[in-house]
Amino acid sequence: MKNIFLVIALFIFATSCKAQTYPLRTFTQIPQNAYLKDTNNELQYYEGTWNNKTISITFKKVTNQYDDVLNYYKDFLIGKFRVLDSNGQVLFDNTAISDSDAKITGGKFRKTDDKYSLIYIDPDICLMDGSIRINFTDSTKTKLDWRFMDTTDIIDSSCPYYSVNPFPQPLPKEIKLTKQ
């Protein structure tokens, strides 16, 4: 009889310890070990390949991934891209890297302007970094407005591009993309 009560107590404890789930558009403090989930399936509209004549970006949704900095689980987008010059020559291509090494990772929707925020960190270009904001420009969700803000602060002499002029710029600052 004692074992039955112990099993019931453990079951109740285990089910009550389940982490809380919050929608992506939660703009309050997220508790530790909670789950910021794409409950409205908004990220699916961003998934796929977007391009124009010189750049092709593929977004993929990652689910239930633990964020070591924020200390909670979340759904987000990752991005991989390929950039061509005007002659069709490949300038940058990270489409073959693993998802865990993606240089573009999503954050969340912004409360102020409803844009989705992403972060860009490129260890191959001297830890170049910046923030990206994307949003749809049409009701069919096939056109995307892209804005990249380079926030790279310091490039020191250990960088292989230290004295290269112009410094490599893999991502465009502003661009309109169309879904393929």
C-alpha atoms as a PDB file:
ATOM      1  CA  MET A   1       0.000   0.000   0.000  1.00  0.00           C
ATOM      2  CA  LYS A   2       2.856   2.331   0.863  1.00  0.00           C
ATOM      3  CA  ASN A   3       4.403   1.708  -2.595  1.00  0.00           C
ATOM      4  CA  ILE A   4       1.134   2.578  -4.346  1.00  0.00           C
ATOM      5  CA  PHE A   5       1.004   5.953  -2.572  1.00  0.00           C
ATOM      6  CA  LEU A   6       4.660   6.546  -3.426  1.00  0.00           C
ATOM      7  CA  VAL A   7       4.024   5.820  -7.135  1.00  0.00           C
ATOM      8  CA  ILE A   8       0.960   8.103  -7.164  1.00  0.00           C
ATOM      9  CA  ALA A   9       2.888  10.865  -5.395  1.00  0.00           C
ATOM     10  CA  LEU A  10       5.789  10.583  -7.852  1.00  0.00           C
ATOM     11  CA  PHE A  11       3.381  10.678 -10.809  1.00  0.00           C
ATOM     12  CA  ILE A  12       1.657  13.814  -9.501  1.00  0.00           C
ATOM     13  CA  PHE A  13       5.012  15.461  -8.800  1.00  0.00           C
ATOM     14  CA  ALA A  14       6.377  14.608 -12.263  1.00  0.00           C
ATOM     15  CA  THR A  15       3.323  15.968 -14.077  1.00  0.00           C
ATOM     16  CA  SER A  16       3.218  19.144 -11.994  1.00  0.00           C
ATOM     17  CA  CYS A  17       6.906  19.899 -12.748  1.00  0.00           C
ATOM     18  CA  LYS A  18       6.309  20.136 -16.463  1.00  0.00           C
ATOM     19  CA  ALA A  19       7.678  23.407 -17.848  1.00  0.00           C
ATOM     20  CA  GLN A  20       5.214  26.101 -18.789  1.00  0.00           C
ATOM     21  CA  THR A  21       4.701  26.870 -22.462  1.00  0.00           C
ATOM     22  CA  TYR A  22       4.482  30.469 -23.726  1.00  0.00           C
ATOM     23  CA  PRO A  23       3.673  31.716 -27.249  1.00  0.00           C
ATOM     24  CA  LEU A  24       6.441  33.344 -29.333  1.00  0.00           C
ATOM     25  CA  ARG A  25       4.842  36.733 -28.884  1.00  0.00           C
ATOM     26  CA  THR A  26       5.330  36.737 -25.118  1.00  0.00           C
ATOM     27  CA  PHE A  27       6.819  40.086 -24.153  1.00  0.00           C
ATOM     28  CA  THR A  28       7.270  39.490 -20.448  1.00  0.00           C
ATOM     29  CA  GLN A  29       9.956  37.701 -18.463  1.00  0.00           C
ATOM     30  CA  ILE A  30      10.170  34.002 -19.436  1.00  0.00           C
ATOM     31  CA  PRO A  31      10.777  31.730 -16.425  1.00  0.00           C
ATOM     32  CA  GLN A  32      13.753  29.408 -16.354  1.00  0.00           C
ATOM     33  CA  ASN A  33      13.200  26.108 -18.204  1.00  0.00           C
ATOM     34  CA  ALA A  34       9.942  27.328 -19.770  1.00  0.00           C
ATOM     35  CA  TYR A  35       9.234  26.768 -23.467  1.00  0.00           C
ATOM     36  CA  LEU A  36       8.769  29.720 -25.857  1.00  0.00           C
ATOM     37  CA  LYS A  37       6.805  27.826 -28.504  1.00  0.00           C
ATOM     38  CA  ASP A  38       5.514  28.695 -31.949  1.00  0.00           C
ATOM     39  CA  THR A  39       1.956  27.944 -30.820  1.00  0.00           C
ATOM     40  CA  ASN A  40       0.407  29.937 -33.694  1.00  0.00           C
ATOM     41  CA  ASN A  41       2.645  28.308 -36.352  1.00  0.00           C
ATOM     42  CA  GLU A  42       3.958  31.701 -37.502  1.00  0.00           C
ATOM     43  CA  LEU A  43       7.487  30.541 -38.300  1.00  0.00           C
ATOM     44  CA  GLN A  44       6.279  28.129 -40.991  1.00  0.00           C
ATOM     45  CA  TYR A  45       5.625  31.086 -43.314  1.00  0.00           C
ATOM     46  CA  TYR A  46       9.301  32.068 -43.145  1.00  0.00           C
ATOM     47  CA  GLU A  47      10.596  28.549 -43.795  1.00  0.00           C
ATOM     48  CA  GLY A  48      11.964  27.910 -47.264  1.00  0.00           C
ATOM     49  CA  THR A  49      14.252  29.613 -49.727  1.00  0.00           C
ATOM     50  CA  TRP A  50      14.087  33.360 -50.351  1.00  0.00           C
ATOM     51  CA  ASN A  51      16.136  35.109 -52.993  1.00  0.00           C
ATOM     52  CA  ASN A  52      16.812  37.867 -55.449  1.00  0.00           C
ATOM     53  CA  LYS A  53      19.495  37.995 -58.149  1.00  0.00           C
ATOM     54  CA  THR A  54      22.519  37.931 -55.839  1.00  0.00           C
ATOM     55  CA  ILE A  55      21.522  36.231 -52.589  1.00  0.00           C
ATOM     56  CA  SER A  56      19.610  33.105 -51.648  1.00  0.00           C
ATOM     57  CA  ILE A  57      18.674  32.504 -48.007  1.00  0.00           C
ATOM     58  CA  THR A  58      17.051  29.362 -46.666  1.00  0.00           C
ATOM     59  CA  PHE A  59      15.256  29.577 -43.347  1.00  0.00           C
ATOM     60  CA  LYS A  60      14.490  26.484 -41.291  1.00  0.00           C
ATOM     61  CA  LYS A  61      12.498  26.189 -38.079  1.00  0.00           C
ATOM     62  CA  VAL A  62      14.206  24.628 -35.053  1.00  0.00           C
ATOM     63  CA  THR A  63      11.910  23.468 -32.256  1.00  0.00           C
ATOM     64  CA  ASN A  64      12.263  22.983 -28.522  1.00  0.00           C
ATOM     65  CA  GLN A  65      15.939  24.002 -28.393  1.00  0.00           C
ATOM     66  CA  TYR A  66      17.438  24.974 -25.037  1.00  0.00           C
ATOM     67  CA  ASP A  67      19.040  28.430 -24.927  1.00  0.00           C
ATOM     68  CA  ASP A  68      22.001  28.365 -22.499  1.00  0.00           C
ATOM     69  CA  VAL A  69      22.020  32.152 -22.183  1.00  0.00           C
ATOM     70  CA  LEU A  70      18.292  32.724 -21.622  1.00  0.00           C
ATOM     71  CA  ASN A  71      17.821  29.433 -19.747  1.00  0.00           C
ATOM     72  CA  TYR A  72      14.647  28.348 -21.477  1.00  0.00           C
ATOM     73  CA  TYR A  73      13.575  26.295 -24.479  1.00  0.00           C
ATOM     74  CA  LYS A  74      12.376  27.978 -27.639  1.00  0.00           C
ATOM     75  CA  ASP A  75      11.368  27.615 -31.273  1.00  0.00           C
ATOM     76  CA  PHE A  76      13.273  29.804 -33.721  1.00  0.00           C
ATOM     77  CA  LEU A  77      14.587  30.089 -37.263  1.00  0.00           C
ATOM     78  CA  ILE A  78      18.086  29.447 -38.545  1.00  0.00           C
ATOM     79  CA  GLY A  79      19.329  30.763 -41.860  1.00  0.00           C
ATOM     80  CA  LYS A  80      21.925  29.649 -44.374  1.00  0.00           C
ATOM     81  CA  PHE A  81      22.855  31.722 -47.394  1.00  0.00           C
ATOM     82  CA  ARG A  82      24.675  31.846 -50.685  1.00  0.00           C
ATOM     83  CA  VAL A  83      25.845  35.113 -52.239  1.00  0.00           C
ATOM     84  CA  LEU A  84      26.800  35.623 -55.894  1.00  0.00           C
ATOM     85  CA  ASP A  85      28.526  38.542 -57.584  1.00  0.00           C
ATOM     86  CA  SER A  86      27.126  40.210 -60.712  1.00  0.00           C
ATOM     87  CA  ASN A  87      28.906  37.614 -62.907  1.00  0.00           C
ATOM     88  CA  GLY A  88      27.332  34.680 -61.055  1.00  0.00           C
ATOM     89  CA  GLN A  89      30.507  33.755 -59.164  1.00  0.00           C
ATOM     90  CA  VAL A  90      29.998  32.473 -55.593  1.00  0.00           C
ATOM     91  CA  LEU A  91      31.276  34.954 -53.009  1.00  0.00           C
ATOM     92  CA  PHE A  92      29.938  33.313 -49.839  1.00  0.00           C
ATOM     93  CA  ASP A  93      28.252  29.952 -49.361  1.00  0.00           C
ATOM     94  CA  ASN A  94      27.440  28.385 -46.019  1.00  0.00           C
ATOM     95  CA  THR A  95      24.514  26.254 -47.188  1.00  0.00           C
ATOM     96  CA  ALA A  96      26.377  22.993 -46.485  1.00  0.00           C
ATOM     97  CA  ILE A  97      27.233  23.668 -42.833  1.00  0.00           C
ATOM     98  CA  SER A  98      25.365  21.879 -40.049  1.00  0.00           C
ATOM     99  CA  ASP A  99      22.273  23.457 -38.545  1.00  0.00           C
ATOM    100  CA  SER A 100      24.068  23.851 -35.220  1.00  0.00           C
ATOM    101  CA  ASP A 101      26.736  25.968 -36.980  1.00  0.00           C
ATOM    102  CA  ALA A 102      24.270  28.230 -38.807  1.00  0.00           C
ATOM    103  CA  LYS A 103      25.519  31.802 -38.857  1.00  0.00           C
ATOM    104  CA  ILE A 104      22.009  33.273 -38.727  1.00  0.00           C
ATOM    105  CA  THR A 105      19.863  32.382 -35.724  1.00  0.00           C
ATOM    106  CA  GLY A 106      16.456  33.691 -34.814  1.00  0.00           C
ATOM    107  CA  GLY A 107      15.382  35.430 -31.707  1.00  0.00           C
ATOM    108  CA  LYS A 108      11.745  36.383 -31.501  1.00  0.00           C
ATOM    109  CA  PHE A 109       9.113  38.779 -32.741  1.00  0.00           C
ATOM    110  CA  ARG A 110       9.558  42.389 -31.726  1.00  0.00           C
ATOM    111  CA  LYS A 111       6.737  44.039 -29.839  1.00  0.00           C
ATOM    112  CA  THR A 112       7.345  47.508 -31.291  1.00  0.00           C
ATOM    113  CA  ASP A 113       7.169  46.789 -35.016  1.00  0.00           C
ATOM    114  CA  ASP A 114       6.115  43.115 -35.369  1.00  0.00           C
ATOM    115  CA  LYS A 115       9.328  42.194 -37.201  1.00  0.00           C
ATOM    116  CA  TYR A 116      11.142  38.930 -36.545  1.00  0.00           C
ATOM    117  CA  SER A 117      14.681  39.439 -35.152  1.00  0.00           C
ATOM    118  CA  LEU A 118      17.689  37.314 -35.981  1.00  0.00           C
ATOM    119  CA  ILE A 119      21.365  37.455 -35.064  1.00  0.00           C
ATOM    120  CA  TYR A 120      24.279  37.013 -37.462  1.00  0.00           C
ATOM    121  CA  ILE A 121      27.677  35.841 -36.166  1.00  0.00           C
ATOM    122  CA  ASP A 122      30.331  34.772 -38.654  1.00  0.00           C
ATOM    123  CA  PRO A 123      33.449  33.169 -37.167  1.00  0.00           C
ATOM    124  CA  ASP A 124      34.927  32.873 -40.682  1.00  0.00           C
ATOM    125  CA  ILE A 125      34.956  36.644 -41.136  1.00  0.00           C
ATOM    126  CA  CYS A 126      36.642  37.740 -37.904  1.00  0.00           C
ATOM    127  CA  LEU A 127      33.506  37.233 -35.788  1.00  0.00           C
ATOM    128  CA  MET A 128      31.563  39.732 -37.849  1.00  0.00           C
ATOM    129  CA  ASP A 129      28.165  40.174 -36.241  1.00  0.00           C
ATOM    130  CA  GLY A 130      24.934  42.047 -36.534  1.00  0.00           C
ATOM    131  CA  SER A 131      21.212  41.961 -36.200  1.00  0.00           C
ATOM    132  CA  ILE A 132      18.663  41.188 -38.891  1.00  0.00           C
ATOM    133  CA  ARG A 133      14.999  42.120 -38.998  1.00  0.00           C
ATOM    134  CA  ILE A 134      12.613  40.531 -41.443  1.00  0.00           C
ATOM    135  CA  ASN A 135       8.932  41.000 -42.141  1.00  0.00           C
ATOM    136  CA  PHE A 136       6.449  40.240 -44.878  1.00  0.00           C
ATOM    137  CA  THR A 137       5.521  43.023 -47.280  1.00  0.00           C
ATOM    138  CA  ASP A 138       2.459  41.368 -48.836  1.00  0.00           C
ATOM    139  CA  SER A 139      -0.616  39.509 -47.595  1.00  0.00           C
ATOM    140  CA  THR A 140       0.366  36.291 -49.420  1.00  0.00           C
ATOM    141  CA  LYS A 141       3.621  36.161 -47.400  1.00  0.00           C
ATOM    142  CA  THR A 142       5.782  35.621 -50.481  1.00  0.00           C
ATOM    143  CA  LYS A 143       7.757  38.888 -50.294  1.00  0.00           C
ATOM    144  CA  LEU A 144      10.124  39.646 -47.463  1.00  0.00           C
ATOM    145  CA  ASP A 145      11.779  42.869 -46.361  1.00  0.00           C
ATOM    146  CA  TRP A 146      15.322  42.264 -45.009  1.00  0.00           C
ATOM    147  CA  ARG A 147      17.345  44.738 -42.947  1.00  0.00           C
ATOM    148  CA  PHE A 148      20.840  43.951 -41.638  1.00  0.00           C
ATOM    149  CA  MET A 149      22.658  46.147 -39.125  1.00  0.00           C
ATOM    150  CA  ASP A 150      26.362  45.334 -38.848  1.00  0.00           C
ATOM    151  CA  THR A 151      27.438  45.733 -35.216  1.00  0.00           C
ATOM    152  CA  THR A 152      31.006  44.468 -35.543  1.00  0.00           C
ATOM    153  CA  ASP A 153      33.055  46.633 -33.202  1.00  0.00           C
ATOM    154  CA  ILE A 154      36.688  45.597 -33.274  1.00  0.00           C
ATOM    155  CA  ILE A 155      38.760  43.936 -35.973  1.00  0.00           C
ATOM    156  CA  ASP A 156      42.311  43.305 -34.781  1.00  0.00           C
ATOM    157  CA  SER A 157      45.487  42.261 -36.595  1.00  0.00           C
ATOM    158  CA  SER A 158      44.773  38.542 -36.023  1.00  0.00           C
ATOM    159  CA  CYS A 159      41.903  38.833 -38.498  1.00  0.00           C
ATOM    160  CA  PRO A 160      42.881  37.589 -41.979  1.00  0.00           C
ATOM    161  CA  TYR A 161      40.865  40.480 -43.461  1.00  0.00           C
ATOM    162  CA  TYR A 162      42.467  43.096 -41.194  1.00  0.00           C
ATOM    163  CA  SER A 163      44.081  45.077 -44.011  1.00  0.00           C
ATOM    164  CA  VAL A 164      41.707  44.046 -46.811  1.00  0.00           C
ATOM    165  CA  ASN A 165      39.931  46.956 -48.395  1.00  0.00           C
ATOM    166  CA  PRO A 166      37.029  46.721 -48.818  1.00  0.00           C
ATOM    167  CA  PHE A 167      36.256  44.458 -45.873  1.00  0.00           C
ATOM    168  CA  PRO A 168      34.060  41.482 -46.885  1.00  0.00           C
ATOM    169  CA  GLN A 169      30.334  42.187 -46.588  1.00  0.00           C
ATOM    170  CA  PRO A 170      28.499  38.884 -47.080  1.00  0.00           C
ATOM    171  CA  LEU A 171      25.034  40.173 -46.233  1.00  0.00           C
ATOM    172  CA  PRO A 172      23.186  43.064 -47.836  1.00  0.00           C
ATOM    173  CA  LYS A 173      22.068  45.941 -45.607  1.00  0.00           C
ATOM    174  CA  GLU A 174      18.590  46.219 -47.145  1.00  0.00           C
ATOM    175  CA  ILE A 175      16.958  43.942 -49.682  1.00  0.00           C
ATOM    176  CA  LYS A 176      13.624  42.608 -50.861  1.00  0.00           C
ATOM    177  CA  LEU A 177      13.413  38.828 -51.167  1.00  0.00           C
ATOM    178  CA  THR A 178      10.893  36.611 -52.931  1.00  0.00           C
ATOM    179  CA  LYS A 179       9.956  33.134 -51.779  1.00  0.00           C
ATOM    180  CA  GLN A 180      10.746  30.343 -54.217  1.00  0.00           C
END
